[in-house]
C-alpha atoms as a PDB file:
ATOM      1  CA  UNK A   1     -25.078 268.316 -95.811  1.00  0.00           C
ATOM      2  CA  UNK A   2     -24.675 265.911 -98.724  1.00  0.00           C
ATOM      3  CA  UNK A   3     -27.489 265.608-101.286  1.00  0.00           C
ATOM      4  CA  UNK A   4     -28.277 262.798-103.711  1.00  0.00           C
ATOM      5  CA  UNK A   5     -31.138 261.733-105.993  1.00  0.00           C
ATOM      6  CA  UNK A   6     -34.334 260.316-104.470  1.00  0.00           C
ATOM      7  CA  UNK A   7     -35.847 257.449-106.491  1.00  0.00           C
ATOM      8  CA  UNK A   8     -39.220 255.951-105.589  1.00  0.00           C
ATOM      9  CA  UNK A   9     -40.375 252.863-107.496  1.00  0.00           C
ATOM     10  CA  UNK A  10     -37.747 253.517-110.205  1.00  0.00           C
ATOM     11  CA  UNK A  11     -38.956 257.105-110.694  1.00  0.00           C
ATOM     12  CA  UNK A  12     -36.693 260.017-109.807  1.00  0.00           C
ATOM     13  CA  UNK A  13     -38.442 262.446-107.455  1.00  0.00           C
ATOM     14  CA  UNK A  14     -35.779 265.087-106.822  1.00  0.00           C
ATOM     15  CA  UNK A  15     -32.927 265.689-104.423  1.00  0.00           C
ATOM     16  CA  UNK A  16     -32.571 264.277-100.940  1.00  0.00           C
ATOM     17  CA  UNK A  17     -30.323 265.589 -98.185  1.00  0.00           C
ATOM     18  CA  UNK A  18     -28.710 262.985 -95.959  1.00  0.00           C
ATOM     19  CA  UNK A  19     -28.471 263.285 -92.193  1.00  0.00           C
ATOM     20  CA  UNK A  20     -26.304 260.332 -91.196  1.00  0.00           C
ATOM     21  CA  UNK A  21     -24.133 261.843 -88.473  1.00  0.00           C
ATOM     22  CA  UNK A  22     -25.265 262.394 -84.891  1.00  0.00           C
ATOM     23  CA  UNK A  23     -25.608 266.198 -84.982  1.00  0.00           C
ATOM     24  CA  UNK A  24     -27.287 266.194 -88.396  1.00  0.00           C
ATOM     25  CA  UNK A  25     -29.753 263.524 -87.234  1.00  0.00           C
ATOM     26  CA  UNK A  26     -30.389 265.390 -83.993  1.00  0.00           C
ATOM     27  CA  UNK A  27     -31.186 268.612 -85.834  1.00  0.00           C
ATOM     28  CA  UNK A  28     -33.207 267.037 -88.657  1.00  0.00           C
ATOM     29  CA  UNK A  29     -35.414 269.735 -90.219  1.00  0.00           C
ATOM     30  CA  UNK A  30     -35.205 272.121 -87.231  1.00  0.00           C
ATOM     31  CA  UNK A  31     -34.401 275.564 -88.563  1.00  0.00           C
ATOM     32  CA  UNK A  32     -34.456 274.291 -92.143  1.00  0.00           C
ATOM     33  CA  UNK A  33     -36.980 274.243 -94.934  1.00  0.00           C
ATOM     34  CA  UNK A  34     -37.225 272.315 -98.171  1.00  0.00           C
ATOM     35  CA  UNK A  35     -35.898 275.143-100.362  1.00  0.00           C
ATOM     36  CA  UNK A  36     -32.513 273.427-100.997  1.00  0.00           C
ATOM     37  CA  UNK A  37     -33.724 269.821-101.306  1.00  0.00           C
ATOM     38  CA  UNK A  38     -36.966 267.886-101.790  1.00  0.00           C
ATOM     39  CA  UNK A  39     -36.625 265.444 -98.881  1.00  0.00           C
ATOM     40  CA  UNK A  40     -34.443 264.653 -95.867  1.00  0.00           C
ATOM     41  CA  UNK A  41     -33.155 261.139 -95.135  1.00  0.00           C
ATOM     42  CA  UNK A  42     -32.383 260.490 -91.471  1.00  0.00           C
ATOM     43  CA  UNK A  43     -30.436 257.273 -90.874  1.00  0.00           C
ATOM     44  CA  UNK A  44     -30.307 255.322 -88.740  1.00  0.00           C
ATOM     45  CA  UNK A  45     -33.684 256.342 -87.355  1.00  0.00           C
ATOM     46  CA  UNK A  46     -36.886 254.534 -86.429  1.00  0.00           C
ATOM     47  CA  UNK A  47     -38.944 257.286 -84.772  1.00  0.00           C
ATOM     48  CA  UNK A  48     -39.258 261.054 -85.030  1.00  0.00           C
ATOM     49  CA  UNK A  49     -41.013 264.026 -83.469  1.00  0.00           C
ATOM     50  CA  UNK A  50     -42.057 267.462 -84.680  1.00  0.00           C
ATOM     51  CA  UNK A  51     -41.183 269.383 -81.514  1.00  0.00           C
ATOM     52  CA  UNK A  52     -39.988 272.903 -82.343  1.00  0.00           C
ATOM     53  CA  UNK A  53     -41.024 272.508 -85.999  1.00  0.00           C
ATOM     54  CA  UNK A  54     -42.713 275.420 -87.744  1.00  0.00           C
ATOM     55  CA  UNK A  55     -44.647 273.431 -90.374  1.00  0.00           C
ATOM     56  CA  UNK A  56     -46.191 269.970 -90.902  1.00  0.00           C
ATOM     57  CA  UNK A  57     -44.336 267.142 -92.653  1.00  0.00           C
ATOM     58  CA  UNK A  58     -44.936 263.698 -94.125  1.00  0.00           C
ATOM     59  CA  UNK A  59     -42.641 260.886 -92.942  1.00  0.00           C
ATOM     60  CA  UNK A  60     -41.771 257.643 -94.713  1.00  0.00           C
ATOM     61  CA  UNK A  61     -40.381 254.919 -92.462  1.00  0.00           C
ATOM     62  CA  UNK A  62     -38.101 252.700 -94.536  1.00  0.00           C
ATOM     63  CA  UNK A  63     -36.474 249.334 -93.729  1.00  0.00           C
ATOM     64  CA  UNK A  64     -32.902 248.296 -94.556  1.00  0.00           C
ATOM     65  CA  UNK A  65     -33.983 247.012 -97.979  1.00  0.00           C
ATOM     66  CA  UNK A  66     -35.516 250.366 -98.963  1.00  0.00           C
ATOM     67  CA  UNK A  67     -39.144 249.320 -98.546  1.00  0.00           C
ATOM     68  CA  UNK A  68     -41.632 251.747 -97.013  1.00  0.00           C
ATOM     69  CA  UNK A  69     -42.952 250.018 -93.872  1.00  0.00           C
ATOM     70  CA  UNK A  70     -45.001 252.899 -92.424  1.00  0.00           C
ATOM     71  CA  UNK A  71     -46.331 256.306 -93.458  1.00  0.00           C
ATOM     72  CA  UNK A  72     -47.037 259.242 -91.170  1.00  0.00           C
ATOM     73  CA  UNK A  73     -48.973 261.842 -93.139  1.00  0.00           C
ATOM     74  CA  UNK A  74     -49.356 265.532 -92.299  1.00  0.00           C
ATOM     75  CA  UNK A  75     -47.606 265.449 -88.933  1.00  0.00           C
ATOM     76  CA  UNK A  76     -48.375 268.755 -87.262  1.00  0.00           C
ATOM     77  CA  UNK A  77     -45.724 270.668 -85.278  1.00  0.00           C
ATOM     78  CA  UNK A  78     -45.279 269.659 -81.635  1.00  0.00           C
ATOM     79  CA  UNK A  79     -46.633 266.129 -82.119  1.00  0.00           C
ATOM     80  CA  UNK A  80     -44.683 262.976 -81.226  1.00  0.00           C
ATOM     81  CA  UNK A  81     -44.673 260.184 -83.792  1.00  0.00           C
ATOM     82  CA  UNK A  82     -44.179 256.684 -82.433  1.00  0.00           C
ATOM     83  CA  UNK A  83     -42.467 255.224 -85.482  1.00  0.00           C
ATOM     84  CA  UNK A  84     -41.812 251.504 -85.912  1.00  0.00           C
ATOM     85  CA  UNK A  85     -39.083 249.085 -84.921  1.00  0.00           C
ATOM     86  CA  UNK A  86     -39.149 247.810 -88.534  1.00  0.00           C
ATOM     87  CA  UNK A  87     -37.659 251.077 -89.832  1.00  0.00           C
ATOM     88  CA  UNK A  88     -33.963 251.673 -90.372  1.00  0.00           C
ATOM     89  CA  UNK A  89     -34.398 255.212 -91.685  1.00  0.00           C
ATOM     90  CA  UNK A  90     -36.965 257.969 -92.076  1.00  0.00           C
ATOM     91  CA  UNK A  91     -37.531 260.248 -95.042  1.00  0.00           C
ATOM     92  CA  UNK A  92     -39.154 263.569 -94.205  1.00  0.00           C
ATOM     93  CA  UNK A  93     -41.071 265.393 -96.933  1.00  0.00           C
ATOM     94  CA  UNK A  94     -43.152 268.567 -97.067  1.00  0.00           C
ATOM     95  CA  UNK A  95     -46.725 267.809 -95.967  1.00  0.00           C
ATOM     96  CA  UNK A  96     -48.829 266.631 -98.912  1.00  0.00           C
ATOM     97  CA  UNK A  97     -45.879 265.330-100.950  1.00  0.00           C
ATOM     98  CA  UNK A  98     -46.476 261.654-100.080  1.00  0.00           C
ATOM     99  CA  UNK A  99     -50.048 261.910-101.325  1.00  0.00           C
ATOM    100  CA  UNK A 100     -49.009 263.857-104.438  1.00  0.00           C
ATOM    101  CA  UNK A 101     -46.398 261.225-105.261  1.00  0.00           C
ATOM    102  CA  UNK A 102     -48.904 258.437-104.365  1.00  0.00           C
ATOM    103  CA  UNK A 103     -46.483 256.763-101.955  1.00  0.00           C
ATOM    104  CA  UNK A 104     -47.790 253.643-100.234  1.00  0.00           C
ATOM    105  CA  UNK A 105     -46.513 251.067 -97.761  1.00  0.00           C
ATOM    106  CA  UNK A 106     -44.516 248.543 -99.782  1.00  0.00           C
ATOM    107  CA  UNK A 107     -43.070 251.079-102.243  1.00  0.00           C
ATOM    108  CA  UNK A 108     -39.328 250.920-102.860  1.00  0.00           C
ATOM    109  CA  UNK A 109     -37.041 253.862-102.078  1.00  0.00           C
ATOM    110  CA  UNK A 110     -33.454 254.288-103.197  1.00  0.00           C
ATOM    111  CA  UNK A 111     -30.910 257.064-102.877  1.00  0.00           C
ATOM    112  CA  UNK A 112     -28.468 257.392-105.765  1.00  0.00           C
END
């Protein structure tokens, strides 16, 4: 899986793996952890679930322009997340990372 730099509001936050092919998107974080990257970008994607997950995550729903349009914080395993039709992609982070990085709706995300 390809990795790039994650930039939030012009501040680099680490590496981001990109799941932009069907099988990579289907698998998402299943059977993975965040030891090789800081976040996972799933695109295109407008809703997620945590079925079969072993740990909670934070999810940032991002539109085509890179703006955060919805946050889902501390999603526990085995919980569906409705998502939003406004999202073009989802960034999954370890639970607590969105709060630590002070991410809010309206923030700008880029992958470089």
